[in-house]
Amino acid sequence: MANLVGAVLVGQRWVLAGDVSSRVGAIRSLVDSARYRFGAIDTVCYLYCGM
């Protein structure tokens, strides 16, 4: 019985860790896409304003 409870707790931990890592991955991809967009805007501004 204790083994079953331990397995359930460990399983929940793994699920929680997977959820957190997937959220972190989603936030990272959002940050990367925002950075890419702002980088493109910066490049355009630099080209226009630099000339």
PDB file of N, CA and C in Angstrom:
ATOM      1  N   MET A   1       0.834  -1.205   0.000  1.00  0.00           N
ATOM      2  CA  MET A   1       0.000   0.000   0.000  1.00  0.00           C
ATOM      3  C   MET A   1       0.871   1.258   0.000  1.00  0.00           C
ATOM      4  N   ALA A   2       1.891   1.266   0.833  1.00  0.00           N
ATOM      5  CA  ALA A   2       2.777   2.430   0.891  1.00  0.00           C
ATOM      6  C   ALA A   2       3.467   2.638  -0.458  1.00  0.00           C
ATOM      7  N   ASN A   3       3.817   1.522  -1.124  1.00  0.00           N
ATOM      8  CA  ASN A   3       4.459   1.636  -2.428  1.00  0.00           C
ATOM      9  C   ASN A   3       3.528   2.304  -3.437  1.00  0.00           C
ATOM     10  N   LEU A   4       2.253   1.943  -3.366  1.00  0.00           N
ATOM     11  CA  LEU A   4       1.271   2.523  -4.279  1.00  0.00           C
ATOM     12  C   LEU A   4       1.150   4.025  -4.044  1.00  0.00           C
ATOM     13  N   VAL A   5       1.057   4.413  -2.762  1.00  0.00           N
ATOM     14  CA  VAL A   5       0.960   5.834  -2.428  1.00  0.00           C
ATOM     15  C   VAL A   5       2.208   6.573  -2.900  1.00  0.00           C
ATOM     16  N   GLY A   6       3.374   5.966  -2.665  1.00  0.00           N
ATOM     17  CA  GLY A   6       4.628   6.577  -3.107  1.00  0.00           C
ATOM     18  C   GLY A   6       4.660   6.740  -4.618  1.00  0.00           C
ATOM     19  N   ALA A   7       4.186   5.713  -5.338  1.00  0.00           N
ATOM     20  CA  ALA A   7       4.175   5.784  -6.795  1.00  0.00           C
ATOM     21  C   ALA A   7       3.249   6.895  -7.277  1.00  0.00           C
ATOM     22  N   VAL A   8       2.100   7.036  -6.620  1.00  0.00           N
ATOM     23  CA  VAL A   8       1.157   8.088  -7.003  1.00  0.00           C
ATOM     24  C   VAL A   8       1.773   9.463  -6.761  1.00  0.00           C
ATOM     25  N   LEU A   9       2.428   9.626  -5.597  1.00  0.00           N
ATOM     26  CA  LEU A   9       3.056  10.916  -5.284  1.00  0.00           C
ATOM     27  C   LEU A   9       4.155  11.246  -6.283  1.00  0.00           C
ATOM     28  N   VAL A  10       4.982  10.245  -6.600  1.00  0.00           N
ATOM     29  CA  VAL A  10       6.053  10.461  -7.576  1.00  0.00           C
ATOM     30  C   VAL A  10       5.454  10.800  -8.938  1.00  0.00           C
ATOM     31  N   GLY A  11       4.382  10.097  -9.310  1.00  0.00           N
ATOM     32  CA  GLY A  11       3.719  10.381 -10.583  1.00  0.00           C
ATOM     33  C   GLY A  11       3.196  11.798 -10.633  1.00  0.00           C
ATOM     34  N   GLN A  12       2.593  12.236  -9.535  1.00  0.00           N
ATOM     35  CA  GLN A  12       2.083  13.609  -9.491  1.00  0.00           C
ATOM     36  C   GLN A  12       3.226  14.606  -9.610  1.00  0.00           C
ATOM     37  N   ARG A  13       4.350  14.290  -8.974  1.00  0.00           N
ATOM     38  CA  ARG A  13       5.506  15.177  -9.067  1.00  0.00           C
ATOM     39  C   ARG A  13       5.980  15.303 -10.503  1.00  0.00           C
ATOM     40  N   TRP A  14       6.033  14.149 -11.200  1.00  0.00           N
ATOM     41  CA  TRP A  14       6.472  14.169 -12.593  1.00  0.00           C
ATOM     42  C   TRP A  14       5.499  14.976 -13.452  1.00  0.00           C
ATOM     43  N   VAL A  15       4.202  14.803 -13.198  1.00  0.00           N
ATOM     44  CA  VAL A  15       3.198  15.555 -13.960  1.00  0.00           C
ATOM     45  C   VAL A  15       3.369  17.044 -13.708  1.00  0.00           C
ATOM     46  N   LEU A  16       3.566  17.404 -12.435  1.00  0.00           N
ATOM     47  CA  LEU A  16       3.746  18.804 -12.080  1.00  0.00           C
ATOM     48  C   LEU A  16       5.000  19.368 -12.739  1.00  0.00           C
ATOM     49  N   ALA A  17       6.095  18.604 -12.685  1.00  0.00           N
ATOM     50  CA  ALA A  17       7.344  19.052 -13.300  1.00  0.00           C
ATOM     51  C   ALA A  17       7.159  19.225 -14.806  1.00  0.00           C
ATOM     52  N   GLY A  18       6.443  18.290 -15.444  1.00  0.00           N
ATOM     53  CA  GLY A  18       6.196  18.406 -16.873  1.00  0.00           C
ATOM     54  C   GLY A  18       5.359  19.627 -17.196  1.00  0.00           C
ATOM     55  N   ASP A  19       4.368  19.911 -16.354  1.00  0.00           N
ATOM     56  CA  ASP A  19       3.507  21.072 -16.551  1.00  0.00           C
ATOM     57  C   ASP A  19       4.320  22.351 -16.444  1.00  0.00           C
ATOM     58  N   VAL A  20       5.160  22.435 -15.416  1.00  0.00           N
ATOM     59  CA  VAL A  20       5.988  23.627 -15.216  1.00  0.00           C
ATOM     60  C   VAL A  20       6.943  23.808 -16.388  1.00  0.00           C
ATOM     61  N   SER A  21       7.595  22.716 -16.817  1.00  0.00           N
ATOM     62  CA  SER A  21       8.562  22.840 -17.901  1.00  0.00           C
ATOM     63  C   SER A  21       7.866  23.217 -19.205  1.00  0.00           C
ATOM     64  N   SER A  22       6.659  22.703 -19.441  1.00  0.00           N
ATOM     65  CA  SER A  22       5.946  23.074 -20.663  1.00  0.00           C
ATOM     66  C   SER A  22       5.533  24.540 -20.610  1.00  0.00           C
ATOM     67  N   ARG A  23       5.153  25.018 -19.414  1.00  0.00           N
ATOM     68  CA  ARG A  23       4.814  26.436 -19.281  1.00  0.00           C
ATOM     69  C   ARG A  23       6.034  27.302 -19.512  1.00  0.00           C
ATOM     70  N   VAL A  24       7.167  26.899 -18.940  1.00  0.00           N
ATOM     71  CA  VAL A  24       8.412  27.647 -19.136  1.00  0.00           C
ATOM     72  C   VAL A  24       8.773  27.662 -20.619  1.00  0.00           C
ATOM     73  N   GLY A  25       8.605  26.518 -21.281  1.00  0.00           N
ATOM     74  CA  GLY A  25       8.892  26.453 -22.709  1.00  0.00           C
ATOM     75  C   GLY A  25       7.988  27.374 -23.502  1.00  0.00           C
ATOM     76  N   ALA A  26       6.707  27.434 -23.133  1.00  0.00           N
ATOM     77  CA  ALA A  26       5.768  28.315 -23.831  1.00  0.00           C
ATOM     78  C   ALA A  26       6.155  29.774 -23.618  1.00  0.00           C
ATOM     79  N   ILE A  27       6.515  30.127 -22.380  1.00  0.00           N
ATOM     80  CA  ILE A  27       6.921  31.504 -22.092  1.00  0.00           C
ATOM     81  C   ILE A  27       8.186  31.844 -22.872  1.00  0.00           C
ATOM     82  N   ARG A  28       9.125  30.895 -22.924  1.00  0.00           N
ATOM     83  CA  ARG A  28      10.367  31.147 -23.656  1.00  0.00           C
ATOM     84  C   ARG A  28      10.097  31.377 -25.131  1.00  0.00           C
ATOM     85  N   SER A  29       9.218  30.560 -25.728  1.00  0.00           N
ATOM     86  CA  SER A  29       8.923  30.727 -27.152  1.00  0.00           C
ATOM     87  C   SER A  29       8.231  32.064 -27.396  1.00  0.00           C
ATOM     88  N   LEU A  30       7.357  32.486 -26.462  1.00  0.00           N
ATOM     89  CA  LEU A  30       6.723  33.799 -26.587  1.00  0.00           C
ATOM     90  C   LEU A  30       7.763  34.903 -26.532  1.00  0.00           C
ATOM     91  N   VAL A  31       8.679  34.803 -25.570  1.00  0.00           N
ATOM     92  CA  VAL A  31       9.737  35.811 -25.432  1.00  0.00           C
ATOM     93  C   VAL A  31      10.600  35.838 -26.687  1.00  0.00           C
ATOM     94  N   ASP A  32      10.940  34.653 -27.208  1.00  0.00           N
ATOM     95  CA  ASP A  32      11.762  34.590 -28.410  1.00  0.00           C
ATOM     96  C   ASP A  32      11.056  35.229 -29.595  1.00  0.00           C
ATOM     97  N   SER A  33       9.768  34.950 -29.778  1.00  0.00           N
ATOM     98  CA  SER A  33       9.044  35.528 -30.909  1.00  0.00           C
ATOM     99  C   SER A  33       8.922  37.040 -30.741  1.00  0.00           C
ATOM    100  N   ALA A  34       8.699  37.499 -29.501  1.00  0.00           N
ATOM    101  CA  ALA A  34       8.623  38.941 -29.256  1.00  0.00           C
ATOM    102  C   ALA A  34       9.972  39.585 -29.549  1.00  0.00           C
ATOM    103  N   ARG A  35      11.046  38.937 -29.116  1.00  0.00           N
ATOM    104  CA  ARG A  35      12.385  39.454 -29.372  1.00  0.00           C
ATOM    105  C   ARG A  35      12.649  39.539 -30.868  1.00  0.00           C
ATOM    106  N   TYR A  36      12.225  38.482 -31.589  1.00  0.00           N
ATOM    107  CA  TYR A  36      12.432  38.451 -33.034  1.00  0.00           C
ATOM    108  C   TYR A  36      11.681  39.601 -33.698  1.00  0.00           C
ATOM    109  N   ARG A  37      10.434  39.831 -33.277  1.00  0.00           N
ATOM    110  CA  ARG A  37       9.637  40.913 -33.854  1.00  0.00           C
ATOM    111  C   ARG A  37      10.262  42.264 -33.557  1.00  0.00           C
ATOM    112  N   PHE A  38      10.635  42.479 -32.286  1.00  0.00           N
ATOM    113  CA  PHE A  38      11.235  43.761 -31.927  1.00  0.00           C
ATOM    114  C   PHE A  38      12.582  43.935 -32.619  1.00  0.00           C
ATOM    115  N   GLY A  39      13.310  42.848 -32.781  1.00  0.00           N
ATOM    116  CA  GLY A  39      14.587  42.909 -33.492  1.00  0.00           C
ATOM    117  C   GLY A  39      14.377  43.329 -34.938  1.00  0.00           C
ATOM    118  N   ALA A  40      13.333  42.797 -35.579  1.00  0.00           N
ATOM    119  CA  ALA A  40      13.025  43.170 -36.955  1.00  0.00           C
ATOM    120  C   ALA A  40      12.646  44.648 -37.026  1.00  0.00           C
ATOM    121  N   ILE A  41      11.838  45.108 -36.058  1.00  0.00           N
ATOM    122  CA  ILE A  41      11.443  46.519 -36.020  1.00  0.00           C
ATOM    123  C   ILE A  41      12.678  47.392 -35.829  1.00  0.00           C
ATOM    124  N   ASP A  42      13.568  46.994 -34.910  1.00  0.00           N
ATOM    125  CA  ASP A  42      14.801  47.739 -34.677  1.00  0.00           C
ATOM    126  C   ASP A  42      15.627  47.819 -35.949  1.00  0.00           C
ATOM    127  N   THR A  43      15.724  46.716 -36.670  1.00  0.00           N
ATOM    128  CA  THR A  43      16.518  46.688 -37.896  1.00  0.00           C
ATOM    129  C   THR A  43      15.934  47.642 -38.928  1.00  0.00           C
ATOM    130  N   VAL A  44      14.610  47.622 -39.091  1.00  0.00           N
ATOM    131  CA  VAL A  44      13.954  48.515 -40.051  1.00  0.00           C
ATOM    132  C   VAL A  44      14.179  49.969 -39.654  1.00  0.00           C
ATOM    133  N   CYS A  45      13.992  50.282 -38.365  1.00  0.00           N
ATOM    134  CA  CYS A  45      14.201  51.653 -37.888  1.00  0.00           C
ATOM    135  C   CYS A  45      15.638  52.086 -38.109  1.00  0.00           C
ATOM    136  N   TYR A  46      16.561  51.163 -37.848  1.00  0.00           N
ATOM    137  CA  TYR A  46      17.979  51.484 -38.018  1.00  0.00           C
ATOM    138  C   TYR A  46      18.274  51.782 -39.482  1.00  0.00           C
ATOM    139  N   LEU A  47      17.706  50.984 -40.380  1.00  0.00           N
ATOM    140  CA  LEU A  47      17.954  51.193 -41.804  1.00  0.00           C
ATOM    141  C   LEU A  47      17.362  52.518 -42.270  1.00  0.00           C
ATOM    142  N   TYR A  48      16.121  52.807 -41.824  1.00  0.00           N
ATOM    143  CA  TYR A  48      15.477  54.052 -42.244  1.00  0.00           C
ATOM    144  C   TYR A  48      16.119  55.262 -41.582  1.00  0.00           C
ATOM    145  N   CYS A  49      16.296  55.190 -40.253  1.00  0.00           N
ATOM    146  CA  CYS A  49      16.815  56.342 -39.518  1.00  0.00           C
ATOM    147  C   CYS A  49      18.305  56.530 -39.761  1.00  0.00           C
ATOM    148  N   GLY A  50      19.010  55.428 -39.994  1.00  0.00           N
ATOM    149  CA  GLY A  50      20.454  55.511 -40.207  1.00  0.00           C
ATOM    150  C   GLY A  50      20.801  56.218 -41.502  1.00  0.00           C
ATOM    151  N   MET A  51      19.909  56.112 -42.507  1.00  0.00           N
ATOM    152  CA  MET A  51      20.169  56.743 -43.800  1.00  0.00           C
ATOM    153  C   MET A  51      19.738  58.160 -43.790  1.00  0.00           C
TER     154      MET A  51
END
